[in-house]
Amino acid sequence: ESRIEEALPADKVGCIRNFNLQNGDNIREQLLGLSDYDMFVTYSILESPMPLEDYVATLRLTPVTEGDRTFVEWTAEFSCDPGDEDELVAMIGTDVFQAGFDALKRQFGGG
């Protein structure tokens, strides 16, 4: 379940999305930037059970004219204890980014 706090529009910069992962963990994210024209969204994680801080991510879409495709780039930067870094990078890569890419493929098709 996912909801926007204070019943704000989901595309309003500054709104906060509050949701639970499949394992029940709660995440709160704030929308930092959004552009339909430039095709990107930037958000930060405000609260998370993950041992990280200063998480900021951007999802950017770039049209690929040959074959009528879209290139999806999802990047993130964050701070963490050095001992947690490898595990967090792997977890975010698999459980966040790849899961998101898979959901986009299911929604819009493509391979």
Protein backbone atom coordinates (compact mmCIF):
# COMPACT_ATOMS: atom_id res chain seq x y z
CA GLU A 1 0.00 0.00 0.00
CA SER A 2 1.23 3.45 -0.94
CA ARG A 3 -0.24 6.84 -0.07
CA ILE A 4 0.69 10.49 -0.39
CA GLU A 5 0.68 12.17 3.01
CA GLU A 6 -1.65 15.13 3.65
CA ALA A 7 -3.64 14.16 0.53
CA LEU A 8 -1.34 16.25 -1.68
CA PRO A 9 -1.18 15.57 -5.42
CA ALA A 10 1.36 12.82 -6.19
CA ASP A 11 3.12 15.11 -8.69
CA LYS A 12 3.59 18.05 -6.29
CA VAL A 13 7.26 18.64 -5.54
CA GLY A 14 7.69 18.28 -1.79
CA CYS A 15 4.94 15.68 -1.34
CA ILE A 16 5.77 12.65 0.78
CA ARG A 17 4.95 9.09 -0.27
CA ASN A 18 4.50 6.65 2.59
CA PHE A 19 4.47 2.95 1.73
CA ASN A 20 5.25 -0.52 3.01
CA LEU A 21 7.51 -3.01 1.32
CA GLN A 22 6.37 -6.61 0.85
CA ASN A 23 8.20 -7.55 4.05
CA GLY A 24 6.26 -4.88 5.98
CA ASP A 25 9.10 -2.35 6.32
CA ASN A 26 7.92 1.27 6.07
CA ILE A 27 9.54 3.82 3.75
CA ARG A 28 8.88 7.55 3.46
CA GLU A 29 10.11 9.31 0.31
CA GLN A 30 9.94 12.98 -0.64
CA LEU A 31 9.56 14.16 -4.22
CA LEU A 32 12.40 16.60 -4.93
CA GLY A 33 11.98 17.17 -8.65
CA LEU A 34 9.69 16.14 -11.50
CA SER A 35 9.64 17.13 -15.17
CA ASP A 36 7.38 15.70 -17.84
CA TYR A 37 9.33 17.68 -20.45
CA ASP A 38 12.77 16.45 -19.35
CA MET A 39 11.32 13.06 -18.32
CA PHE A 40 12.82 12.65 -14.87
CA VAL A 41 11.83 12.26 -11.25
CA THR A 42 14.13 12.85 -8.26
CA TYR A 43 13.30 11.78 -4.72
CA SER A 44 14.91 11.34 -1.33
CA ILE A 45 14.32 8.78 1.38
CA LEU A 46 13.28 10.44 4.63
CA GLU A 47 12.76 7.31 6.72
CA SER A 48 13.76 3.72 6.10
CA PRO A 49 14.91 0.66 8.04
CA MET A 50 17.96 0.53 5.74
CA PRO A 51 21.16 1.74 7.43
CA LEU A 52 21.72 4.68 5.08
CA GLU A 53 21.48 8.47 5.09
CA ASP A 54 21.24 11.26 2.52
CA TYR A 55 19.67 8.96 -0.10
CA VAL A 56 18.77 10.83 -3.29
CA ALA A 57 17.77 9.03 -6.48
CA THR A 58 16.83 10.09 -9.99
CA LEU A 59 14.89 8.09 -12.57
CA ARG A 60 15.40 9.49 -16.08
CA LEU A 61 13.85 8.40 -19.39
CA THR A 62 15.58 9.07 -22.71
CA PRO A 63 13.90 8.32 -26.04
CA VAL A 64 15.77 5.99 -28.38
CA THR A 65 14.53 6.72 -31.88
CA GLU A 66 15.74 3.52 -33.50
CA GLY A 67 13.21 0.83 -32.70
CA ASP A 68 10.90 3.22 -30.83
CA ARG A 69 12.38 2.38 -27.43
CA THR A 70 13.18 4.23 -24.22
CA PHE A 71 16.41 4.12 -22.24
CA VAL A 72 15.78 4.11 -18.48
CA GLU A 73 18.52 5.33 -16.16
CA TRP A 74 18.07 5.09 -12.38
CA THR A 75 20.84 6.42 -10.17
CA ALA A 76 21.19 6.94 -6.43
CA GLU A 77 23.68 8.39 -4.01
CA PHE A 78 23.70 7.81 -0.26
CA SER A 79 25.90 7.70 2.80
CA CYS A 80 26.40 4.64 4.98
CA ASP A 81 28.91 2.88 7.18
CA PRO A 82 31.68 1.40 5.00
CA GLY A 83 30.87 -2.08 6.32
CA ASP A 84 27.29 -1.83 5.01
CA GLU A 85 28.11 -0.40 1.58
CA ASP A 86 28.47 -3.58 -0.51
CA GLU A 87 25.30 -5.11 0.93
CA LEU A 88 23.29 -1.90 0.43
CA VAL A 89 24.50 -1.43 -3.15
CA ALA A 90 23.52 -5.03 -3.98
CA MET A 91 20.16 -4.76 -2.19
CA ILE A 92 19.21 -1.44 -3.80
CA GLY A 93 20.34 -2.71 -7.21
CA THR A 94 18.25 -5.86 -6.96
CA ASP A 95 15.32 -5.09 -4.66
CA VAL A 96 14.74 -1.48 -5.71
CA PHE A 97 16.12 -0.78 -9.18
CA GLN A 98 15.68 -4.20 -10.83
CA ALA A 99 12.27 -4.67 -9.20
CA GLY A 100 11.29 -1.25 -10.56
CA PHE A 101 12.57 -2.07 -14.05
CA ASP A 102 10.65 -5.36 -13.97
CA ALA A 103 7.46 -3.51 -12.95
CA LEU A 104 7.93 -1.05 -15.83
CA LYS A 105 8.33 -3.95 -18.27
CA ARG A 106 5.15 -5.57 -16.96
CA GLN A 107 3.25 -2.29 -17.23
CA PHE A 108 4.51 -1.11 -20.61
CA GLY A 109 5.91 -4.23 -22.28
CA GLY A 110 9.30 -4.57 -23.85
CA GLY A 111 12.20 -6.81 -23.23
